[in-house]
């Protein structure tokens, strides 16, 4: 239960950091008079697409890790069942 609380705190902290980074970037782009609007839009799209890509990479890594854990648990259960059957067989 404590791990879940810690994870929620860390996730909240990271979300605050991302929001702060976006706010500071938006303020920087808004306040810079020397950069044309088209360039600001291009930078903004780049940052949003980079964020989307990073979220997808993290999601797929978590999914892959969960898949590997599931396969490992199935193999462990299979090995345990085989050992149990062998012990029962030898007792008889």
Protein backbone atom coordinates (compact mmCIF):
# COMPACT_ATOMS: atom_id res chain seq x y z
CA UNK A 1 0.00 0.00 0.00
CA UNK A 2 2.86 2.38 0.84
CA UNK A 3 4.48 1.75 -2.56
CA UNK A 4 1.29 2.82 -4.29
CA UNK A 5 1.24 6.04 -2.25
CA UNK A 6 4.88 6.70 -3.12
CA UNK A 7 4.19 6.06 -6.81
CA UNK A 8 1.20 8.43 -6.77
CA UNK A 9 3.37 11.13 -5.18
CA UNK A 10 6.14 10.65 -7.73
CA UNK A 11 3.65 10.67 -10.61
CA UNK A 12 2.04 13.87 -9.28
CA UNK A 13 5.48 15.49 -8.94
CA UNK A 14 6.36 14.53 -12.53
CA UNK A 15 3.05 15.84 -13.85
CA UNK A 16 3.69 19.16 -12.08
CA UNK A 17 7.14 19.28 -13.67
CA UNK A 18 5.73 18.67 -17.15
CA UNK A 19 3.04 21.34 -16.65
CA UNK A 20 5.66 23.81 -15.42
CA UNK A 21 7.91 23.04 -18.40
CA UNK A 22 5.03 23.61 -20.85
CA UNK A 23 4.02 26.83 -19.10
CA UNK A 24 7.57 28.19 -19.17
CA UNK A 25 8.00 27.19 -22.81
CA UNK A 26 4.70 28.83 -23.75
CA UNK A 27 5.67 31.99 -21.84
CA UNK A 28 9.07 32.02 -23.53
CA UNK A 29 7.55 31.66 -27.00
CA UNK A 30 4.87 34.24 -26.25
CA UNK A 31 7.33 36.82 -24.91
CA UNK A 32 9.93 36.53 -27.70
CA UNK A 33 9.15 39.24 -30.27
CA UNK A 34 11.99 38.30 -32.63
CA UNK A 35 10.62 34.84 -33.48
CA UNK A 36 7.89 34.70 -36.15
CA UNK A 37 4.57 33.08 -35.29
CA UNK A 38 5.09 30.25 -37.78
CA UNK A 39 8.36 29.30 -36.08
CA UNK A 40 6.68 29.38 -32.67
CA UNK A 41 3.98 27.03 -33.94
CA UNK A 42 6.57 24.70 -35.41
CA UNK A 43 8.44 24.56 -32.09
CA UNK A 44 5.19 24.00 -30.22
CA UNK A 45 4.19 21.12 -32.50
CA UNK A 46 7.64 19.61 -32.12
CA UNK A 47 7.46 19.70 -28.34
CA UNK A 48 3.95 18.19 -28.28
CA UNK A 49 4.93 15.40 -30.70
CA UNK A 50 8.08 14.68 -28.69
CA UNK A 51 5.96 14.39 -25.54
CA UNK A 52 3.54 12.04 -27.29
CA UNK A 53 6.42 9.87 -28.46
CA UNK A 54 7.95 9.72 -24.99
CA UNK A 55 4.62 8.72 -23.44
CA UNK A 56 4.26 5.94 -26.03
CA UNK A 57 7.80 4.68 -25.42
CA UNK A 58 7.20 4.50 -21.67
CA UNK A 59 3.82 2.79 -22.17
CA UNK A 60 5.26 0.15 -24.47
CA UNK A 61 8.17 -0.49 -22.11
CA UNK A 62 5.73 -1.01 -19.21
CA UNK A 63 3.57 -3.29 -21.37
CA UNK A 64 6.63 -5.32 -22.41
CA UNK A 65 7.77 -5.63 -18.80
CA UNK A 66 4.30 -6.77 -17.71
CA UNK A 67 4.27 -9.35 -20.54
CA UNK A 68 7.69 -10.69 -19.49
CA UNK A 69 6.58 -10.88 -15.85
CA UNK A 70 3.43 -12.77 -16.84
CA UNK A 71 5.44 -15.28 -18.92
CA UNK A 72 7.93 -15.75 -16.07
CA UNK A 73 5.10 -16.42 -13.58
CA UNK A 74 3.53 -18.98 -15.94
CA UNK A 75 6.88 -20.74 -16.35
CA UNK A 76 7.46 -20.70 -12.58
CA UNK A 77 4.02 -22.20 -11.96
CA UNK A 78 4.66 -24.86 -14.62
CA UNK A 79 8.04 -25.77 -13.07
CA UNK A 80 6.52 -25.89 -9.60
CA UNK A 81 3.75 -28.19 -10.82
CA UNK A 82 6.29 -30.48 -12.49
CA UNK A 83 8.36 -30.67 -9.28
CA UNK A 84 5.24 -31.35 -7.24
CA UNK A 85 4.21 -34.15 -9.59
CA UNK A 86 7.71 -35.64 -9.41
CA UNK A 87 7.72 -35.61 -5.60
CA UNK A 88 4.26 -37.20 -5.44
CA UNK A 89 5.33 -39.82 -7.99
CA UNK A 90 8.44 -40.77 -6.01
CA UNK A 91 6.50 -41.11 -2.75
CA UNK A 92 4.21 -43.67 -4.33
